[in-house]
């Protein structure tokens, strides 16, 4: 009976380890990805705002 309990605990630990490797995320990696995407978004907004600046001729049309 003790062997069965010990085997059960080992299997439970193995299952938790497998689930952890599949479901958990690397917070440092995801933070870097988020900051990179945010920087790219901000840069594209700034570039498009400089390209699309209205001029005096736009107001006179």
C-alpha atoms as a PDB file:
ATOM      1  CA  UNK A   1       0.000   0.000   0.000  1.00  0.00           C
ATOM      2  CA  UNK A   2       2.841   2.371   0.813  1.00  0.00           C
ATOM      3  CA  UNK A   3       4.476   1.633  -2.536  1.00  0.00           C
ATOM      4  CA  UNK A   4       1.265   2.533  -4.313  1.00  0.00           C
ATOM      5  CA  UNK A   5       0.998   5.795  -2.389  1.00  0.00           C
ATOM      6  CA  UNK A   6       4.605   6.640  -3.156  1.00  0.00           C
ATOM      7  CA  UNK A   7       4.123   5.875  -6.868  1.00  0.00           C
ATOM      8  CA  UNK A   8       0.963   7.995  -6.865  1.00  0.00           C
ATOM      9  CA  UNK A   9       2.852  10.960  -5.373  1.00  0.00           C
ATOM     10  CA  UNK A  10       5.631  10.578  -7.958  1.00  0.00           C
ATOM     11  CA  UNK A  11       3.113  10.475 -10.806  1.00  0.00           C
ATOM     12  CA  UNK A  12       1.291  13.515  -9.417  1.00  0.00           C
ATOM     13  CA  UNK A  13       4.588  15.406  -9.267  1.00  0.00           C
ATOM     14  CA  UNK A  14       5.458  14.355 -12.833  1.00  0.00           C
ATOM     15  CA  UNK A  15       2.061  15.492 -14.113  1.00  0.00           C
ATOM     16  CA  UNK A  16       2.432  18.869 -12.387  1.00  0.00           C
ATOM     17  CA  UNK A  17       5.898  19.266 -13.886  1.00  0.00           C
ATOM     18  CA  UNK A  18       4.621  18.461 -17.389  1.00  0.00           C
ATOM     19  CA  UNK A  19       1.698  20.884 -17.042  1.00  0.00           C
ATOM     20  CA  UNK A  20       4.018  23.567 -15.728  1.00  0.00           C
ATOM     21  CA  UNK A  21       6.327  23.233 -18.723  1.00  0.00           C
ATOM     22  CA  UNK A  22       3.337  23.514 -21.086  1.00  0.00           C
ATOM     23  CA  UNK A  23       1.178  26.165 -19.397  1.00  0.00           C
ATOM     24  CA  UNK A  24       3.571  28.483 -17.567  1.00  0.00           C
ATOM     25  CA  UNK A  25       5.144  31.469 -19.293  1.00  0.00           C
ATOM     26  CA  UNK A  26       8.529  33.072 -18.999  1.00  0.00           C
ATOM     27  CA  UNK A  27       7.680  36.475 -17.516  1.00  0.00           C
ATOM     28  CA  UNK A  28      10.979  38.068 -18.546  1.00  0.00           C
ATOM     29  CA  UNK A  29      10.526  36.957 -22.158  1.00  0.00           C
ATOM     30  CA  UNK A  30       6.912  38.139 -22.308  1.00  0.00           C
ATOM     31  CA  UNK A  31       7.828  41.469 -20.713  1.00  0.00           C
ATOM     32  CA  UNK A  32      10.513  42.030 -23.342  1.00  0.00           C
ATOM     33  CA  UNK A  33       8.039  41.127 -26.103  1.00  0.00           C
ATOM     34  CA  UNK A  34       5.468  43.556 -24.664  1.00  0.00           C
ATOM     35  CA  UNK A  35       7.952  46.421 -24.365  1.00  0.00           C
ATOM     36  CA  UNK A  36       9.198  45.791 -27.911  1.00  0.00           C
ATOM     37  CA  UNK A  37       5.654  45.783 -29.326  1.00  0.00           C
ATOM     38  CA  UNK A  38       4.757  48.913 -27.361  1.00  0.00           C
ATOM     39  CA  UNK A  39       7.862  50.717 -28.608  1.00  0.00           C
ATOM     40  CA  UNK A  40       7.122  49.724 -32.211  1.00  0.00           C
ATOM     41  CA  UNK A  41       3.532  50.946 -31.856  1.00  0.00           C
ATOM     42  CA  UNK A  42       4.620  54.292 -30.410  1.00  0.00           C
ATOM     43  CA  UNK A  43       7.252  54.727 -33.124  1.00  0.00           C
ATOM     44  CA  UNK A  44       4.725  54.018 -35.873  1.00  0.00           C
ATOM     45  CA  UNK A  45       2.277  56.537 -34.390  1.00  0.00           C
ATOM     46  CA  UNK A  46       4.997  59.182 -34.213  1.00  0.00           C
ATOM     47  CA  UNK A  47       6.137  58.493 -37.782  1.00  0.00           C
ATOM     48  CA  UNK A  48       2.609  58.659 -39.159  1.00  0.00           C
ATOM     49  CA  UNK A  49       1.877  61.887 -37.295  1.00  0.00           C
ATOM     50  CA  UNK A  50       4.960  63.513 -38.847  1.00  0.00           C
ATOM     51  CA  UNK A  51       4.019  62.311 -42.330  1.00  0.00           C
ATOM     52  CA  UNK A  52       0.399  63.432 -42.080  1.00  0.00           C
ATOM     53  CA  UNK A  53       0.936  66.916 -40.594  1.00  0.00           C
ATOM     54  CA  UNK A  54      -1.566  69.362 -42.014  1.00  0.00           C
ATOM     55  CA  UNK A  55      -0.102  72.385 -43.753  1.00  0.00           C
ATOM     56  CA  UNK A  56      -1.499  75.807 -44.551  1.00  0.00           C
ATOM     57  CA  UNK A  57      -2.349  74.611 -48.061  1.00  0.00           C
ATOM     58  CA  UNK A  58      -4.534  71.845 -46.579  1.00  0.00           C
ATOM     59  CA  UNK A  59      -6.588  74.489 -44.744  1.00  0.00           C
ATOM     60  CA  UNK A  60      -6.941  76.672 -47.850  1.00  0.00           C
ATOM     61  CA  UNK A  61      -8.460  73.914 -49.990  1.00  0.00           C
END
